Amino acid sequence: MGGYIYQHFDGVPDNVEKEYNRLGRREYYLEERDKDNGLLSYSYGNLPEIVDPTTTEEYRLELESEMEWERRRELLPLALEWLKTHYSYEYEMIRAYYFGRNNEKMTLMQLAGEYGVSAMSITRTLRRGSRYLRNYIIRHEKTG
């Protein structure tokens, strides 16, 4: 196990040469200490091969999931129209809460005050309306 080899430079001031070698000795000492303590150091020669992420199974599944999401999002306007005709109360709540009235979304408390019911009742109505929409979209997604 050799030690640090002092380097001499022609035409370089002594103080610069000493500082360079002091830093070199320090780096050598730290590397030896890391080896003694079992810490790994990586060289650039043995890096793993870079794999194109678009060829992995994980990417394919993510892409399929995004495509499914887009198909379902395209069915949302139809589902909202269906909800409007079959469940108008739930439609009004969803429209007011998620899409707003006059470009301003309403809070649960505002809706509860306007309809004279509790905020929990509004929450239940929103969940019920969301369930109706989800079921409609899934049903029509499979039938095409």
Protein backbone atom coordinates (compact mmCIF):
# COMPACT_ATOMS: atom_id res chain seq x y z
CA MET A 1 0.00 0.00 0.00
CA GLY A 2 1.79 3.04 -1.28
CA GLY A 3 1.37 6.53 0.01
CA TYR A 4 0.63 9.81 -1.66
CA ILE A 5 3.25 10.82 -4.21
CA TYR A 6 4.24 14.46 -3.96
CA GLN A 7 4.06 16.25 -7.30
CA HIS A 8 6.49 18.94 -8.43
CA PHE A 9 5.59 21.52 -11.06
CA ASP A 10 8.00 23.69 -13.03
CA GLY A 11 7.17 27.35 -13.16
CA VAL A 12 4.49 27.17 -10.44
CA PRO A 13 4.87 29.20 -7.24
CA ASP A 14 5.82 27.15 -4.17
CA ASN A 15 2.71 28.10 -2.20
CA VAL A 16 0.43 26.89 -5.04
CA GLU A 17 2.37 23.62 -5.34
CA LYS A 18 2.18 23.04 -1.57
CA GLU A 19 -1.56 23.75 -1.50
CA TYR A 20 -2.17 21.41 -4.45
CA ASN A 21 -0.26 18.59 -2.76
CA ARG A 22 -1.90 19.27 0.60
CA LEU A 23 -5.31 18.83 -1.04
CA GLY A 24 -4.08 15.73 -2.89
CA ARG A 25 -2.82 14.17 0.37
CA ARG A 26 -6.16 14.95 2.03
CA GLU A 27 -8.10 13.32 -0.83
CA TYR A 28 -5.83 10.25 -0.70
CA TYR A 29 -6.33 10.01 3.08
CA LEU A 30 -10.13 10.22 2.74
CA GLU A 31 -10.19 7.52 0.05
CA GLU A 32 -8.07 5.19 2.19
CA ARG A 33 -10.30 5.85 5.18
CA ASP A 34 -13.40 5.06 3.12
CA LYS A 35 -11.87 1.75 2.00
CA ASP A 36 -11.02 0.86 5.61
CA ASN A 37 -14.61 1.59 6.68
CA GLY A 38 -16.13 -0.43 3.88
CA LEU A 39 -17.56 2.48 1.90
CA LEU A 40 -17.85 1.96 -1.82
CA SER A 41 -16.59 4.26 -4.49
CA TYR A 42 -17.75 3.96 -8.05
CA SER A 43 -15.69 4.28 -11.14
CA TYR A 44 -17.25 5.39 -14.37
CA GLY A 45 -15.97 2.32 -16.19
CA ASN A 46 -18.52 -0.12 -14.78
CA LEU A 47 -21.78 1.81 -14.93
CA PRO A 48 -24.86 -0.26 -15.82
CA GLU A 49 -26.21 -0.07 -19.32
CA ILE A 50 -28.73 2.70 -19.87
CA VAL A 51 -32.11 1.25 -20.80
CA ASP A 52 -34.63 3.15 -22.87
CA PRO A 53 -37.52 3.69 -20.42
CA THR A 54 -40.08 3.53 -23.22
CA THR A 55 -39.33 -0.18 -23.74
CA THR A 56 -40.12 -1.29 -20.19
CA GLU A 57 -43.27 -3.08 -19.04
CA GLU A 58 -43.82 -0.38 -16.41
CA TYR A 59 -43.93 2.30 -19.11
CA ARG A 60 -46.38 0.26 -21.20
CA LEU A 61 -48.71 -0.14 -18.22
CA GLU A 62 -48.51 3.56 -17.44
CA LEU A 63 -49.28 4.41 -21.06
CA GLU A 64 -52.29 2.08 -21.08
CA SER A 65 -53.52 3.65 -17.86
CA GLU A 66 -53.22 7.15 -19.36
CA MET A 67 -55.09 6.04 -22.49
CA GLU A 68 -57.87 4.54 -20.36
CA TRP A 69 -58.07 7.80 -18.38
CA GLU A 70 -58.37 9.79 -21.63
CA ARG A 71 -61.13 7.51 -22.96
CA ARG A 72 -63.05 7.92 -19.73
CA ARG A 73 -62.55 11.68 -19.74
CA GLU A 74 -64.00 11.84 -23.25
CA LEU A 75 -67.15 10.11 -21.97
CA LEU A 76 -67.62 12.60 -19.12
CA PRO A 77 -69.78 15.11 -21.06
CA LEU A 78 -72.15 12.31 -22.08
CA ALA A 79 -72.27 11.05 -18.51
CA LEU A 80 -73.04 14.54 -17.21
CA GLU A 81 -75.91 14.90 -19.69
CA TRP A 82 -77.27 11.52 -18.59
CA LEU A 83 -76.96 12.56 -14.93
CA LYS A 84 -78.76 15.83 -15.68
CA THR A 85 -81.77 14.02 -17.13
CA HIS A 86 -81.95 11.15 -14.61
CA TYR A 87 -80.63 12.64 -11.35
CA SER A 88 -81.02 16.40 -11.57
CA TYR A 89 -80.37 17.06 -7.84
CA GLU A 90 -77.02 15.24 -7.93
CA TYR A 91 -76.18 16.97 -11.20
CA GLU A 92 -76.82 20.41 -9.71
CA MET A 93 -74.61 19.63 -6.71
CA ILE A 94 -71.74 18.32 -8.83
CA ARG A 95 -72.00 21.23 -11.25
CA ALA A 96 -72.00 23.80 -8.44
CA TYR A 97 -69.27 22.16 -6.38
CA TYR A 98 -66.82 21.03 -9.08
CA PHE A 99 -67.54 23.40 -11.95
CA GLY A 100 -68.91 26.40 -10.07
CA ARG A 101 -71.57 28.93 -10.79
CA ASN A 102 -70.68 32.13 -12.61
CA ASN A 103 -67.05 30.95 -12.78
CA GLU A 104 -66.88 30.65 -9.00
CA LYS A 105 -66.78 27.29 -7.21
CA MET A 106 -69.01 26.88 -4.18
CA THR A 107 -67.97 25.37 -0.87
CA LEU A 108 -69.84 22.65 0.98
CA MET A 109 -71.05 25.18 3.52
CA GLN A 110 -72.35 27.53 0.83
CA LEU A 111 -74.23 24.69 -0.84
CA ALA A 112 -75.60 23.48 2.51
CA GLY A 113 -76.86 26.98 3.30
CA GLU A 114 -78.42 27.43 -0.11
CA TYR A 115 -80.27 24.09 -0.06
CA GLY A 116 -81.04 24.14 3.67
CA VAL A 117 -79.33 20.83 4.44
CA SER A 118 -76.18 19.79 6.31
CA ALA A 119 -72.71 19.71 4.77
CA MET A 120 -72.66 15.95 5.38
CA SER A 121 -75.80 15.62 3.28
CA ILE A 122 -74.11 17.57 0.46
CA THR A 123 -71.06 15.28 0.74
CA ARG A 124 -73.28 12.20 0.46
CA THR A 125 -75.04 13.66 -2.56
CA LEU A 126 -71.70 14.41 -4.24
CA ARG A 127 -70.48 10.87 -3.58
CA ARG A 128 -73.70 9.40 -4.90
CA GLY A 129 -73.54 11.57 -8.04
CA SER A 130 -69.88 10.64 -8.58
CA ARG A 131 -70.77 6.96 -8.24
CA TYR A 132 -73.54 7.36 -10.84
CA LEU A 133 -71.09 9.06 -13.22
CA ARG A 134 -68.39 6.43 -12.66
CA ASN A 135 -70.81 3.55 -13.26
CA TYR A 136 -72.18 5.20 -16.40
CA ILE A 137 -68.69 5.79 -17.82
CA ILE A 138 -67.48 2.26 -17.08
CA ARG A 139 -70.64 0.74 -18.52
CA HIS A 140 -70.40 2.77 -21.74
CA GLU A 141 -66.65 2.38 -22.02
CA LYS A 142 -67.02 -1.39 -22.35
CA THR A 143 -69.87 -1.22 -24.83
CA GLY A 144 -67.99 1.22 -26.99
